[in-house]
Amino acid sequence: ARDTLGAIAANGGTPEAAQRLETEIAALEA
């Protein structure tokens, strides 16, 4: 998920996709 988030940031992905991944990362890190 972090790798994908980095790719989204580098390639100008949508903020919604980045937000979804951040939510997933937070859920998993618990």
Full PDB file with SEQRES, HELIX, SHEET, SSBOND, CRYST1, ORIGX, SCALE, CONECT and MASTER records, all heavy atoms in Angstrom:
SEQRES   1 A   30  ALA ARG ASP THR LEU GLY ALA ILE ALA ALA ASN GLY GLY          
SEQRES   2 A   30  THR PRO GLU ALA ALA GLN ARG LEU GLU THR GLU ILE ALA          
SEQRES   3 A   30  ALA LEU GLU ALA                                              
HELIX    1 AA1 ARG A    2  ASN A   11  1                                  10    
HELIX    2 AA2 PRO A   15  GLU A   29  1                                  15    
CRYST1    1.000    1.000    1.000  90.00  90.00  90.00 P 1           1          
ORIGX1      1.000000  0.000000  0.000000        0.00000                         
ORIGX2      0.000000  1.000000  0.000000        0.00000                         
ORIGX3      0.000000  0.000000  1.000000        0.00000                         
SCALE1      1.000000  0.000000  0.000000        0.00000                         
SCALE2      0.000000  1.000000  0.000000        0.00000                         
SCALE3      0.000000  0.000000  1.000000        0.00000                         
ATOM      1  N   ALA A   1       0.836  -1.203   0.000  1.00  0.00           N  
ATOM      2  CA  ALA A   1       0.000   0.000   0.000  1.00  0.00           C  
ATOM      3  C   ALA A   1       0.872   1.256   0.000  1.00  0.00           C  
ATOM      4  O   ALA A   1       0.568   2.223  -0.703  1.00  0.00           O  
ATOM      5  CB  ALA A   1      -0.934   0.002   1.216  1.00  0.00           C  
ATOM      6  N   ARG A   2       1.962   1.232   0.762  1.00  0.00           N  
ATOM      7  CA  ARG A   2       2.874   2.391   0.765  1.00  0.00           C  
ATOM      8  C   ARG A   2       3.539   2.576  -0.593  1.00  0.00           C  
ATOM      9  O   ARG A   2       3.711   3.697  -1.055  1.00  0.00           O  
ATOM     10  CB  ARG A   2       3.927   2.232   1.851  1.00  0.00           C  
ATOM     11  CG  ARG A   2       3.372   2.506   3.220  1.00  0.00           C  
ATOM     12  CD  ARG A   2       4.469   2.824   4.212  1.00  0.00           C  
ATOM     13  NE  ARG A   2       3.867   3.198   5.471  1.00  0.00           N  
ATOM     14  CZ  ARG A   2       4.035   2.548   6.608  1.00  0.00           C  
ATOM     15  NH1 ARG A   2       4.814   1.494   6.653  1.00  0.00           N  
ATOM     16  NH2 ARG A   2       3.433   2.956   7.697  1.00  0.00           N  
ATOM     17  N   ASP A   3       3.936   1.474  -1.216  1.00  0.00           N  
ATOM     18  CA  ASP A   3       4.539   1.559  -2.555  1.00  0.00           C  
ATOM     19  C   ASP A   3       3.545   2.146  -3.551  1.00  0.00           C  
ATOM     20  O   ASP A   3       3.895   2.996  -4.364  1.00  0.00           O  
ATOM     21  CB  ASP A   3       5.003   0.179  -3.033  1.00  0.00           C  
ATOM     22  CG  ASP A   3       6.203  -0.353  -2.253  1.00  0.00           C  
ATOM     23  OD1 ASP A   3       6.840   0.446  -1.517  1.00  0.00           O  
ATOM     24  OD2 ASP A   3       6.487  -1.557  -2.370  1.00  0.00           O  
ATOM     25  N   THR A   4       2.310   1.695  -3.486  1.00  0.00           N  
ATOM     26  CA  THR A   4       1.275   2.208  -4.376  1.00  0.00           C  
ATOM     27  C   THR A   4       1.005   3.680  -4.097  1.00  0.00           C  
ATOM     28  O   THR A   4       0.837   4.478  -5.025  1.00  0.00           O  
ATOM     29  CB  THR A   4      -0.020   1.397  -4.217  1.00  0.00           C  
ATOM     30  OG1 THR A   4       0.263   0.018  -4.456  1.00  0.00           O  
ATOM     31  CG2 THR A   4      -1.094   1.861  -5.179  1.00  0.00           C  
ATOM     32  N   LEU A   5       0.999   4.055  -2.839  1.00  0.00           N  
ATOM     33  CA  LEU A   5       0.790   5.452  -2.465  1.00  0.00           C  
ATOM     34  C   LEU A   5       1.918   6.324  -3.025  1.00  0.00           C  
ATOM     35  O   LEU A   5       1.667   7.414  -3.538  1.00  0.00           O  
ATOM     36  CB  LEU A   5       0.713   5.587  -0.942  1.00  0.00           C  
ATOM     37  CG  LEU A   5       0.277   6.916  -0.369  1.00  0.00           C  
ATOM     38  CD1 LEU A   5      -1.114   7.284  -0.866  1.00  0.00           C  
ATOM     39  CD2 LEU A   5       0.281   6.856   1.149  1.00  0.00           C  
ATOM     40  N   GLY A   6       3.136   5.829  -2.960  1.00  0.00           N  
ATOM     41  CA  GLY A   6       4.270   6.552  -3.543  1.00  0.00           C  
ATOM     42  C   GLY A   6       4.131   6.693  -5.045  1.00  0.00           C  
ATOM     43  O   GLY A   6       4.441   7.745  -5.620  1.00  0.00           O  
ATOM     44  N   ALA A   7       3.664   5.646  -5.707  1.00  0.00           N  
ATOM     45  CA  ALA A   7       3.464   5.699  -7.153  1.00  0.00           C  
ATOM     46  C   ALA A   7       2.361   6.681  -7.515  1.00  0.00           C  
ATOM     47  O   ALA A   7       2.464   7.409  -8.511  1.00  0.00           O  
ATOM     48  CB  ALA A   7       3.130   4.311  -7.686  1.00  0.00           C  
ATOM     49  N   ILE A   8       1.315   6.719  -6.708  1.00  0.00           N  
ATOM     50  CA  ILE A   8       0.220   7.663  -6.952  1.00  0.00           C  
ATOM     51  C   ILE A   8       0.734   9.093  -6.822  1.00  0.00           C  
ATOM     52  O   ILE A   8       0.423   9.959  -7.637  1.00  0.00           O  
ATOM     53  CB  ILE A   8      -0.961   7.405  -5.991  1.00  0.00           C  
ATOM     54  CG1 ILE A   8      -1.707   6.141  -6.418  1.00  0.00           C  
ATOM     55  CG2 ILE A   8      -1.921   8.577  -5.952  1.00  0.00           C  
ATOM     56  CD1 ILE A   8      -2.775   5.706  -5.440  1.00  0.00           C  
ATOM     57  N   ALA A   9       1.528   9.331  -5.795  1.00  0.00           N  
ATOM     58  CA  ALA A   9       2.073  10.675  -5.580  1.00  0.00           C  
ATOM     59  C   ALA A   9       3.015  11.074  -6.718  1.00  0.00           C  
ATOM     60  O   ALA A   9       3.001  12.211  -7.177  1.00  0.00           O  
ATOM     61  CB  ALA A   9       2.799  10.749  -4.245  1.00  0.00           C  
ATOM     62  N   ALA A  10       3.828  10.140  -7.187  1.00  0.00           N  
ATOM     63  CA  ALA A  10       4.796  10.428  -8.246  1.00  0.00           C  
ATOM     64  C   ALA A  10       4.118  10.630  -9.595  1.00  0.00           C  
ATOM     65  O   ALA A  10       4.589  11.429 -10.415  1.00  0.00           O  
ATOM     66  CB  ALA A  10       5.815   9.307  -8.339  1.00  0.00           C  
ATOM     67  N   ASN A  11       3.035   9.920  -9.830  1.00  0.00           N  
ATOM     68  CA  ASN A  11       2.386   9.972 -11.139  1.00  0.00           C  
ATOM     69  C   ASN A  11       1.153  10.870 -11.160  1.00  0.00           C  
ATOM     70  O   ASN A  11       0.401  10.851 -12.135  1.00  0.00           O  
ATOM     71  CB  ASN A  11       1.998   8.559 -11.588  1.00  0.00           C  
ATOM     72  CG  ASN A  11       3.214   7.684 -11.777  1.00  0.00           C  
ATOM     73  OD1 ASN A  11       4.275   8.162 -12.146  1.00  0.00           O  
ATOM     74  ND2 ASN A  11       3.064   6.407 -11.525  1.00  0.00           N  
ATOM     75  N   GLY A  12       0.936  11.601 -10.099  1.00  0.00           N  
ATOM     76  CA  GLY A  12      -0.199  12.523 -10.074  1.00  0.00           C  
ATOM     77  C   GLY A  12      -1.543  11.822 -10.041  1.00  0.00           C  
ATOM     78  O   GLY A  12      -2.468  12.221 -10.746  1.00  0.00           O  
ATOM     79  N   GLY A  13      -1.671  10.806  -9.198  1.00  0.00           N  
ATOM     80  CA  GLY A  13      -2.944  10.096  -9.072  1.00  0.00           C  
ATOM     81  C   GLY A  13      -3.990  10.940  -8.386  1.00  0.00           C  
ATOM     82  O   GLY A  13      -3.738  12.058  -7.937  1.00  0.00           O  
ATOM     83  N   THR A  14      -5.165  10.396  -8.294  1.00  0.00           N  
ATOM     84  CA  THR A  14      -6.280  11.143  -7.707  1.00  0.00           C  
ATOM     85  C   THR A  14      -6.160  11.205  -6.182  1.00  0.00           C  
ATOM     86  O   THR A  14      -5.668  10.259  -5.557  1.00  0.00           O  
ATOM     87  CB  THR A  14      -7.631  10.483  -8.062  1.00  0.00           C  
ATOM     88  OG1 THR A  14      -7.668   9.187  -7.472  1.00  0.00           O  
ATOM     89  CG2 THR A  14      -7.809  10.381  -9.563  1.00  0.00           C  
ATOM     90  N   PRO A  15      -6.618  12.304  -5.606  1.00  0.00           N  
ATOM     91  CA  PRO A  15      -6.587  12.408  -4.142  1.00  0.00           C  
ATOM     92  C   PRO A  15      -7.473  11.368  -3.459  1.00  0.00           C  
ATOM     93  O   PRO A  15      -7.168  10.933  -2.353  1.00  0.00           O  
ATOM     94  CB  PRO A  15      -7.115  13.814  -3.868  1.00  0.00           C  
ATOM     95  CG  PRO A  15      -7.051  14.546  -5.156  1.00  0.00           C  
ATOM     96  CD  PRO A  15      -7.056  13.526  -6.246  1.00  0.00           C  
ATOM     97  N   GLU A  16      -8.540  10.948  -4.135  1.00  0.00           N  
ATOM     98  CA  GLU A  16      -9.427   9.938  -3.556  1.00  0.00           C  
ATOM     99  C   GLU A  16      -8.700   8.604  -3.395  1.00  0.00           C  
ATOM    100  O   GLU A  16      -8.853   7.927  -2.378  1.00  0.00           O  
ATOM    101  CB  GLU A  16     -10.676   9.735  -4.418  1.00  0.00           C  
ATOM    102  CG  GLU A  16     -11.592  10.936  -4.492  1.00  0.00           C  
ATOM    103  CD  GLU A  16     -11.146  11.969  -5.530  1.00  0.00           C  
ATOM    104  OE1 GLU A  16     -10.379  11.627  -6.467  1.00  0.00           O  
ATOM    105  OE2 GLU A  16     -11.540  13.133  -5.384  1.00  0.00           O  
ATOM    106  N   ALA A  17      -7.912   8.232  -4.403  1.00  0.00           N  
ATOM    107  CA  ALA A  17      -7.158   6.977  -4.332  1.00  0.00           C  
ATOM    108  C   ALA A  17      -6.115   7.044  -3.228  1.00  0.00           C  
ATOM    109  O   ALA A  17      -5.915   6.079  -2.477  1.00  0.00           O  
ATOM    110  CB  ALA A  17      -6.490   6.682  -5.670  1.00  0.00           C  
ATOM    111  N   ALA A  18      -5.450   8.181  -3.107  1.00  0.00           N  
ATOM    112  CA  ALA A  18      -4.452   8.353  -2.049  1.00  0.00           C  
ATOM    113  C   ALA A  18      -5.115   8.279  -0.674  1.00  0.00           C  
ATOM    114  O   ALA A  18      -4.586   7.637   0.240  1.00  0.00           O  
ATOM    115  CB  ALA A  18      -3.726   9.681  -2.221  1.00  0.00           C  
ATOM    116  N   GLN A  19      -6.273   8.901  -0.540  1.00  0.00           N  
ATOM    117  CA  GLN A  19      -6.996   8.875   0.734  1.00  0.00           C  
ATOM    118  C   GLN A  19      -7.431   7.457   1.087  1.00  0.00           C  
ATOM    119  O   GLN A  19      -7.337   7.041   2.240  1.00  0.00           O  
ATOM    120  CB  GLN A  19      -8.215   9.805   0.679  1.00  0.00           C  
ATOM    121  CG  GLN A  19      -9.019   9.850   1.953  1.00  0.00           C  
ATOM    122  CD  GLN A  19      -8.223  10.367   3.135  1.00  0.00           C  
ATOM    123  OE1 GLN A  19      -7.419  11.276   3.001  1.00  0.00           O  
ATOM    124  NE2 GLN A  19      -8.433   9.774   4.295  1.00  0.00           N  
ATOM    125  N   ARG A  20      -7.889   6.713   0.084  1.00  0.00           N  
ATOM    126  CA  ARG A  20      -8.312   5.322   0.309  1.00  0.00           C  
ATOM    127  C   ARG A  20      -7.135   4.486   0.804  1.00  0.00           C  
ATOM    128  O   ARG A  20      -7.247   3.711   1.753  1.00  0.00           O  
ATOM    129  CB  ARG A  20      -8.892   4.736  -0.967  1.00  0.00           C  
ATOM    130  CG  ARG A  20      -9.391   3.304  -0.820  1.00  0.00           C  
ATOM    131  CD  ARG A  20      -9.894   2.736  -2.128  1.00  0.00           C  
ATOM    132  NE  ARG A  20      -8.959   2.822  -3.224  1.00  0.00           N  
ATOM    133  CZ  ARG A  20      -7.919   2.003  -3.414  1.00  0.00           C  
ATOM    134  NH1 ARG A  20      -7.674   1.048  -2.536  1.00  0.00           N  
ATOM    135  NH2 ARG A  20      -7.120   2.142  -4.454  1.00  0.00           N  
ATOM    136  N   LEU A  21      -5.960   4.663   0.173  1.00  0.00           N  
ATOM    137  CA  LEU A  21      -4.781   3.915   0.584  1.00  0.00           C  
ATOM    138  C   LEU A  21      -4.318   4.307   1.979  1.00  0.00           C  
ATOM    139  O   LEU A  21      -3.899   3.451   2.763  1.00  0.00           O  
ATOM    140  CB  LEU A  21      -3.642   4.115  -0.422  1.00  0.00           C  
ATOM    141  CG  LEU A  21      -3.784   3.308  -1.706  1.00  0.00           C  
ATOM    142  CD1 LEU A  21      -2.760   3.748  -2.731  1.00  0.00           C  
ATOM    143  CD2 LEU A  21      -3.637   1.832  -1.420  1.00  0.00           C  
ATOM    144  N   GLU A  22      -4.392   5.576   2.310  1.00  0.00           N  
ATOM    145  CA  GLU A  22      -4.015   6.012   3.655  1.00  0.00           C  
ATOM    146  C   GLU A  22      -4.943   5.399   4.700  1.00  0.00           C  
ATOM    147  O   GLU A  22      -4.497   5.011   5.781  1.00  0.00           O  
ATOM    148  CB  GLU A  22      -4.019   7.536   3.737  1.00  0.00           C  
ATOM    149  CG  GLU A  22      -2.866   8.168   2.983  1.00  0.00           C  
ATOM    150  CD  GLU A  22      -2.975   9.675   2.859  1.00  0.00           C  
ATOM    151  OE1 GLU A  22      -3.963  10.268   3.358  1.00  0.00           O  
ATOM    152  OE2 GLU A  22      -2.070  10.258   2.254  1.00  0.00           O  
ATOM    153  N   THR A  23      -6.222   5.284   4.368  1.00  0.00           N  
ATOM    154  CA  THR A  23      -7.182   4.647   5.274  1.00  0.00           C  
ATOM    155  C   THR A  23      -6.837   3.169   5.449  1.00  0.00           C  
ATOM    156  O   THR A  23      -6.876   2.642   6.566  1.00  0.00           O  
ATOM    157  CB  THR A  23      -8.617   4.787   4.725  1.00  0.00           C  
ATOM    158  OG1 THR A  23      -8.904   6.172   4.563  1.00  0.00           O  
ATOM    159  CG2 THR A  23      -9.634   4.144   5.641  1.00  0.00           C  
ATOM    160  N   GLU A  24      -6.487   2.499   4.349  1.00  0.00           N  
ATOM    161  CA  GLU A  24      -6.114   1.090   4.418  1.00  0.00           C  
ATOM    162  C   GLU A  24      -4.858   0.901   5.259  1.00  0.00           C  
ATOM    163  O   GLU A  24      -4.791  -0.019   6.082  1.00  0.00           O  
ATOM    164  CB  GLU A  24      -5.887   0.526   3.016  1.00  0.00           C  
ATOM    165  CG  GLU A  24      -7.153   0.349   2.221  1.00  0.00           C  
ATOM    166  CD  GLU A  24      -6.901  -0.210   0.825  1.00  0.00           C  
ATOM    167  OE1 GLU A  24      -5.731  -0.528   0.496  1.00  0.00           O  
ATOM    168  OE2 GLU A  24      -7.873  -0.324   0.064  1.00  0.00           O  
ATOM    169  N   ILE A  25      -3.862   1.758   5.055  1.00  0.00           N  
ATOM    170  CA  ILE A  25      -2.614   1.652   5.815  1.00  0.00           C  
ATOM    171  C   ILE A  25      -2.887   1.831   7.303  1.00  0.00           C  
ATOM    172  O   ILE A  25      -2.383   1.071   8.138  1.00  0.00           O  
ATOM    173  CB  ILE A  25      -1.573   2.671   5.306  1.00  0.00           C  
ATOM    174  CG1 ILE A  25      -1.096   2.276   3.901  1.00  0.00           C  
ATOM    175  CG2 ILE A  25      -0.395   2.780   6.257  1.00  0.00           C  
ATOM    176  CD1 ILE A  25      -0.266   3.334   3.202  1.00  0.00           C  
ATOM    177  N   ALA A  26      -3.710   2.823   7.646  1.00  0.00           N  
ATOM    178  CA  ALA A  26      -4.048   3.052   9.061  1.00  0.00           C  
ATOM    179  C   ALA A  26      -4.764   1.839   9.648  1.00  0.00           C  
ATOM    180  O   ALA A  26      -4.496   1.446  10.801  1.00  0.00           O  
ATOM    181  CB  ALA A  26      -4.904   4.299   9.195  1.00  0.00           C  
ATOM    182  N   ALA A  27      -5.653   1.240   8.875  1.00  0.00           N  
ATOM    183  CA  ALA A  27      -6.387   0.066   9.356  1.00  0.00           C  
ATOM    184  C   ALA A  27      -5.439  -1.104   9.585  1.00  0.00           C  
ATOM    185  O   ALA A  27      -5.555  -1.832  10.582  1.00  0.00           O  
ATOM    186  CB  ALA A  27      -7.475  -0.326   8.362  1.00  0.00           C  
ATOM    187  N   LEU A  28      -4.484  -1.294   8.682  1.00  0.00           N  
ATOM    188  CA  LEU A  28      -3.551  -2.412   8.794  1.00  0.00           C  
ATOM    189  C   LEU A  28      -2.530  -2.202   9.907  1.00  0.00           C  
ATOM    190  O   LEU A  28      -2.145  -3.148  10.597  1.00  0.00           O  
ATOM    191  CB  LEU A  28      -2.833  -2.632   7.462  1.00  0.00           C  
ATOM    192  CG  LEU A  28      -3.713  -3.118   6.313  1.00  0.00           C  
ATOM    193  CD1 LEU A  28      -2.954  -3.048   5.000  1.00  0.00           C  
ATOM    194  CD2 LEU A  28      -4.206  -4.528   6.581  1.00  0.00           C  
ATOM    195  N   GLU A  29      -2.081  -0.965  10.079  1.00  0.00           N  
ATOM    196  CA  GLU A  29      -1.059  -0.697  11.094  1.00  0.00           C  
ATOM    197  C   GLU A  29      -1.578  -0.919  12.511  1.00  0.00           C  
ATOM    198  O   GLU A  29      -0.784  -1.061  13.436  1.00  0.00           O  
ATOM    199  CB  GLU A  29      -0.508   0.714  10.933  1.00  0.00           C  
ATOM    200  CG  GLU A  29       0.451   0.823   9.773  1.00  0.00           C  
ATOM    201  CD  GLU A  29       1.045   2.200   9.601  1.00  0.00           C  
ATOM    202  OE1 GLU A  29       0.437   3.182  10.054  1.00  0.00           O  
ATOM    203  OE2 GLU A  29       2.125   2.286   8.994  1.00  0.00           O  
ATOM    204  N   ALA A  30      -2.874  -0.994  12.673  1.00  0.00           N  
ATOM    205  CA  ALA A  30      -3.439  -1.283  13.992  1.00  0.00           C  
ATOM    206  C   ALA A  30      -3.055  -2.692  14.454  1.00  0.00           C  
ATOM    207  O   ALA A  30      -3.098  -2.984  15.658  1.00  0.00           O  
ATOM    208  CB  ALA A  30      -4.954  -1.145  13.952  1.00  0.00           C  
TER     209      ALA A  30                                                      
MASTER        0    0    0    2    0    0    0    6  208    1    0    3          
END                                                                             
